[in-house]
């Protein structure tokens, strides 16, 4: 049924439920898993009166912190996949917008299913922040399984 399942995670507890479900499904159908995490680009504050956002050292520290965080998230996911006997590739997309990066990664890795968690934002939070799951659902060329 599925040969390659792309699992998106941000390392949160809820995303962990999506990872658990995606790995269990991969194991059940004998599919390979590709676990992807995305770190967003440097975004200067709107009220940055001291121009700290222009400081190259702060930007470097931000990127290094993102890289460390992503590698930690992916190492944990790879260990979890190995413990369940699932072949797993890990991918970090730096400076990306999550929904765009997830859809692109699914195509680039030949995934035939995307698994991700829904963070369940409602009201104003949904309007302001949008829903990455909804954006992936709207643009994905392959089925998307959203785990709540």
C-alpha atoms as a PDB file:
ATOM      1  CA  UNK A   1       0.000   0.000   0.000  1.00  0.00           C
ATOM      2  CA  UNK A   2       2.560   2.589   1.142  1.00  0.00           C
ATOM      3  CA  UNK A   3       6.263   2.332   0.353  1.00  0.00           C
ATOM      4  CA  UNK A   4       7.506   5.627   1.790  1.00  0.00           C
ATOM      5  CA  UNK A   5       5.817   7.565   4.575  1.00  0.00           C
ATOM      6  CA  UNK A   6       6.947  11.107   5.311  1.00  0.00           C
ATOM      7  CA  UNK A   7       6.432  12.015   8.971  1.00  0.00           C
ATOM      8  CA  UNK A   8       6.626  15.674   9.950  1.00  0.00           C
ATOM      9  CA  UNK A   9       7.625  16.596  13.491  1.00  0.00           C
ATOM     10  CA  UNK A  10       8.594  19.678  15.446  1.00  0.00           C
ATOM     11  CA  UNK A  11       9.603  17.712  18.519  1.00  0.00           C
ATOM     12  CA  UNK A  12       6.525  18.712  20.518  1.00  0.00           C
ATOM     13  CA  UNK A  13       4.494  16.247  22.555  1.00  0.00           C
ATOM     14  CA  UNK A  14       1.636  16.388  20.064  1.00  0.00           C
ATOM     15  CA  UNK A  15       3.975  15.914  17.100  1.00  0.00           C
ATOM     16  CA  UNK A  16       5.310  12.892  18.976  1.00  0.00           C
ATOM     17  CA  UNK A  17       1.864  11.308  18.673  1.00  0.00           C
ATOM     18  CA  UNK A  18       2.077  11.816  14.920  1.00  0.00           C
ATOM     19  CA  UNK A  19       5.550  10.267  14.895  1.00  0.00           C
ATOM     20  CA  UNK A  20       4.343   7.268  16.926  1.00  0.00           C
ATOM     21  CA  UNK A  21       1.408   6.734  14.584  1.00  0.00           C
ATOM     22  CA  UNK A  22       3.490   7.181  11.427  1.00  0.00           C
ATOM     23  CA  UNK A  23       6.156   4.728  12.585  1.00  0.00           C
ATOM     24  CA  UNK A  24       3.539   2.176  13.647  1.00  0.00           C
ATOM     25  CA  UNK A  25       1.890   2.450  10.242  1.00  0.00           C
ATOM     26  CA  UNK A  26       5.254   2.156   8.454  1.00  0.00           C
ATOM     27  CA  UNK A  27       6.043  -0.968  10.451  1.00  0.00           C
ATOM     28  CA  UNK A  28       2.615  -2.495   9.776  1.00  0.00           C
ATOM     29  CA  UNK A  29       2.843  -2.027   6.004  1.00  0.00           C
ATOM     30  CA  UNK A  30       6.616  -2.511   5.642  1.00  0.00           C
ATOM     31  CA  UNK A  31       7.251   1.048   4.473  1.00  0.00           C
ATOM     32  CA  UNK A  32      10.321   3.216   4.828  1.00  0.00           C
ATOM     33  CA  UNK A  33       9.905   6.370   6.932  1.00  0.00           C
ATOM     34  CA  UNK A  34      11.320   9.805   6.168  1.00  0.00           C
ATOM     35  CA  UNK A  35      11.152  12.031   9.233  1.00  0.00           C
ATOM     36  CA  UNK A  36      11.354  15.738   8.505  1.00  0.00           C
ATOM     37  CA  UNK A  37      11.676  18.719  10.798  1.00  0.00           C
ATOM     38  CA  UNK A  38      11.641  22.318   9.633  1.00  0.00           C
ATOM     39  CA  UNK A  39      13.228  25.325  11.305  1.00  0.00           C
ATOM     40  CA  UNK A  40      11.851  28.676  10.336  1.00  0.00           C
ATOM     41  CA  UNK A  41      13.925  31.601   9.050  1.00  0.00           C
ATOM     42  CA  UNK A  42      15.231  34.374  11.285  1.00  0.00           C
ATOM     43  CA  UNK A  43      12.402  36.828  11.856  1.00  0.00           C
ATOM     44  CA  UNK A  44      13.336  40.205  13.288  1.00  0.00           C
ATOM     45  CA  UNK A  45      11.005  41.625  15.878  1.00  0.00           C
ATOM     46  CA  UNK A  46       8.601  44.339  14.786  1.00  0.00           C
ATOM     47  CA  UNK A  47       9.629  46.569  17.661  1.00  0.00           C
ATOM     48  CA  UNK A  48      13.390  46.087  17.445  1.00  0.00           C
ATOM     49  CA  UNK A  49      14.411  49.660  18.311  1.00  0.00           C
ATOM     50  CA  UNK A  50      17.986  48.578  19.104  1.00  0.00           C
ATOM     51  CA  UNK A  51      18.397  46.900  15.708  1.00  0.00           C
ATOM     52  CA  UNK A  52      19.416  43.646  17.391  1.00  0.00           C
ATOM     53  CA  UNK A  53      17.891  41.745  14.486  1.00  0.00           C
ATOM     54  CA  UNK A  54      20.629  43.099  12.229  1.00  0.00           C
ATOM     55  CA  UNK A  55      23.373  41.687  14.473  1.00  0.00           C
ATOM     56  CA  UNK A  56      25.069  38.910  12.456  1.00  0.00           C
ATOM     57  CA  UNK A  57      26.207  37.196  15.659  1.00  0.00           C
ATOM     58  CA  UNK A  58      22.618  36.902  16.910  1.00  0.00           C
ATOM     59  CA  UNK A  59      21.534  35.502  13.555  1.00  0.00           C
ATOM     60  CA  UNK A  60      24.390  32.971  13.668  1.00  0.00           C
ATOM     61  CA  UNK A  61      23.421  31.944  17.199  1.00  0.00           C
ATOM     62  CA  UNK A  62      19.809  31.548  16.105  1.00  0.00           C
ATOM     63  CA  UNK A  63      20.782  29.303  13.177  1.00  0.00           C
ATOM     64  CA  UNK A  64      23.142  27.244  15.336  1.00  0.00           C
ATOM     65  CA  UNK A  65      20.411  26.805  17.948  1.00  0.00           C
ATOM     66  CA  UNK A  66      17.953  25.724  15.252  1.00  0.00           C
ATOM     67  CA  UNK A  67      20.469  23.197  13.921  1.00  0.00           C
ATOM     68  CA  UNK A  68      21.126  21.735  17.397  1.00  0.00           C
ATOM     69  CA  UNK A  69      17.415  21.482  18.102  1.00  0.00           C
ATOM     70  CA  UNK A  70      16.690  19.850  14.735  1.00  0.00           C
ATOM     71  CA  UNK A  71      19.485  17.309  15.163  1.00  0.00           C
ATOM     72  CA  UNK A  72      18.193  16.412  18.633  1.00  0.00           C
ATOM     73  CA  UNK A  73      14.637  15.967  17.317  1.00  0.00           C
ATOM     74  CA  UNK A  74      15.835  13.846  14.403  1.00  0.00           C
ATOM     75  CA  UNK A  75      18.198  11.713  16.502  1.00  0.00           C
ATOM     76  CA  UNK A  76      15.323  10.884  18.855  1.00  0.00           C
ATOM     77  CA  UNK A  77      13.076  10.021  15.898  1.00  0.00           C
ATOM     78  CA  UNK A  78      15.757   7.822  14.303  1.00  0.00           C
ATOM     79  CA  UNK A  79      16.281   5.980  17.592  1.00  0.00           C
ATOM     80  CA  UNK A  80      12.540   5.442  17.940  1.00  0.00           C
ATOM     81  CA  UNK A  81      12.338   4.127  14.364  1.00  0.00           C
ATOM     82  CA  UNK A  82      15.276   1.779  14.951  1.00  0.00           C
ATOM     83  CA  UNK A  83      13.682   0.438  18.126  1.00  0.00           C
ATOM     84  CA  UNK A  84      10.539  -0.432  16.161  1.00  0.00           C
ATOM     85  CA  UNK A  85      12.447  -1.938  13.229  1.00  0.00           C
ATOM     86  CA  UNK A  86      11.493   0.746  10.705  1.00  0.00           C
ATOM     87  CA  UNK A  87      13.999   1.914   8.099  1.00  0.00           C
ATOM     88  CA  UNK A  88      14.251   5.660   8.582  1.00  0.00           C
ATOM     89  CA  UNK A  89      15.853   8.628   6.883  1.00  0.00           C
ATOM     90  CA  UNK A  90      15.931  11.986   8.658  1.00  0.00           C
ATOM     91  CA  UNK A  91      15.787  15.411   7.026  1.00  0.00           C
ATOM     92  CA  UNK A  92      16.258  18.905   8.450  1.00  0.00           C
ATOM     93  CA  UNK A  93      14.969  21.769   6.323  1.00  0.00           C
ATOM     94  CA  UNK A  94      16.522  24.991   7.648  1.00  0.00           C
ATOM     95  CA  UNK A  95      15.051  28.428   6.995  1.00  0.00           C
ATOM     96  CA  UNK A  96      11.828  26.992   5.640  1.00  0.00           C
ATOM     97  CA  UNK A  97       8.148  27.582   6.070  1.00  0.00           C
ATOM     98  CA  UNK A  98       6.756  24.324   7.489  1.00  0.00           C
ATOM     99  CA  UNK A  99       3.893  23.599   5.102  1.00  0.00           C
ATOM    100  CA  UNK A 100       5.962  24.458   2.019  1.00  0.00           C
ATOM    101  CA  UNK A 101       8.896  22.375   3.234  1.00  0.00           C
ATOM    102  CA  UNK A 102       6.716  19.371   4.098  1.00  0.00           C
ATOM    103  CA  UNK A 103       5.000  19.333   0.694  1.00  0.00           C
ATOM    104  CA  UNK A 104       8.340  19.759  -1.083  1.00  0.00           C
ATOM    105  CA  UNK A 105      10.032  17.044   0.997  1.00  0.00           C
ATOM    106  CA  UNK A 106       7.205  14.609   0.261  1.00  0.00           C
ATOM    107  CA  UNK A 107       7.779  15.062  -3.464  1.00  0.00           C
ATOM    108  CA  UNK A 108      11.560  15.058  -3.240  1.00  0.00           C
ATOM    109  CA  UNK A 109      11.630  11.795  -1.266  1.00  0.00           C
ATOM    110  CA  UNK A 110       8.921  10.023  -3.242  1.00  0.00           C
ATOM    111  CA  UNK A 111       6.580   9.757  -0.269  1.00  0.00           C
ATOM    112  CA  UNK A 112       3.189   8.276  -0.958  1.00  0.00           C
ATOM    113  CA  UNK A 113       1.728   9.399   2.394  1.00  0.00           C
ATOM    114  CA  UNK A 114       2.357  12.326   4.746  1.00  0.00           C
ATOM    115  CA  UNK A 115       1.687  11.879   8.459  1.00  0.00           C
ATOM    116  CA  UNK A 116       1.572  14.893  10.746  1.00  0.00           C
ATOM    117  CA  UNK A 117      -0.081  16.093  13.907  1.00  0.00           C
ATOM    118  CA  UNK A 118      -2.671  18.819  14.039  1.00  0.00           C
ATOM    119  CA  UNK A 119      -1.966  21.363  16.710  1.00  0.00           C
ATOM    120  CA  UNK A 120      -5.662  22.136  16.936  1.00  0.00           C
ATOM    121  CA  UNK A 121      -5.487  25.927  17.081  1.00  0.00           C
ATOM    122  CA  UNK A 122      -8.842  27.651  17.258  1.00  0.00           C
ATOM    123  CA  UNK A 123     -10.238  31.129  17.052  1.00  0.00           C
ATOM    124  CA  UNK A 124      -7.823  34.021  16.824  1.00  0.00           C
ATOM    125  CA  UNK A 125      -4.751  31.761  17.085  1.00  0.00           C
ATOM    126  CA  UNK A 126      -5.847  29.902  13.974  1.00  0.00           C
ATOM    127  CA  UNK A 127      -6.532  33.123  12.093  1.00  0.00           C
ATOM    128  CA  UNK A 128      -3.193  34.684  13.016  1.00  0.00           C
ATOM    129  CA  UNK A 129      -0.982  31.609  12.868  1.00  0.00           C
ATOM    130  CA  UNK A 130      -2.852  29.544  10.322  1.00  0.00           C
ATOM    131  CA  UNK A 131      -2.737  25.784  10.267  1.00  0.00           C
ATOM    132  CA  UNK A 132       0.253  24.000   8.815  1.00  0.00           C
ATOM    133  CA  UNK A 133      -1.805  20.806   8.553  1.00  0.00           C
ATOM    134  CA  UNK A 134      -4.521  22.611   6.582  1.00  0.00           C
ATOM    135  CA  UNK A 135      -1.920  24.121   4.254  1.00  0.00           C
ATOM    136  CA  UNK A 136      -0.332  20.712   3.648  1.00  0.00           C
ATOM    137  CA  UNK A 137      -3.759  19.143   3.085  1.00  0.00           C
ATOM    138  CA  UNK A 138      -4.600  21.810   0.535  1.00  0.00           C
ATOM    139  CA  UNK A 139      -1.401  21.438  -1.491  1.00  0.00           C
ATOM    140  CA  UNK A 140      -0.151  17.881  -1.068  1.00  0.00           C
ATOM    141  CA  UNK A 141      -0.180  15.653  -4.123  1.00  0.00           C
ATOM    142  CA  UNK A 142      -0.306  12.545  -1.891  1.00  0.00           C
ATOM    143  CA  UNK A 143      -2.699  11.565   0.914  1.00  0.00           C
ATOM    144  CA  UNK A 144      -2.193  13.260   4.284  1.00  0.00           C
ATOM    145  CA  UNK A 145      -2.985  11.569   7.583  1.00  0.00           C
ATOM    146  CA  UNK A 146      -3.546  14.124  10.343  1.00  0.00           C
ATOM    147  CA  UNK A 147      -3.189  12.839  13.896  1.00  0.00           C
ATOM    148  CA  UNK A 148      -4.964  14.720  16.708  1.00  0.00           C
END
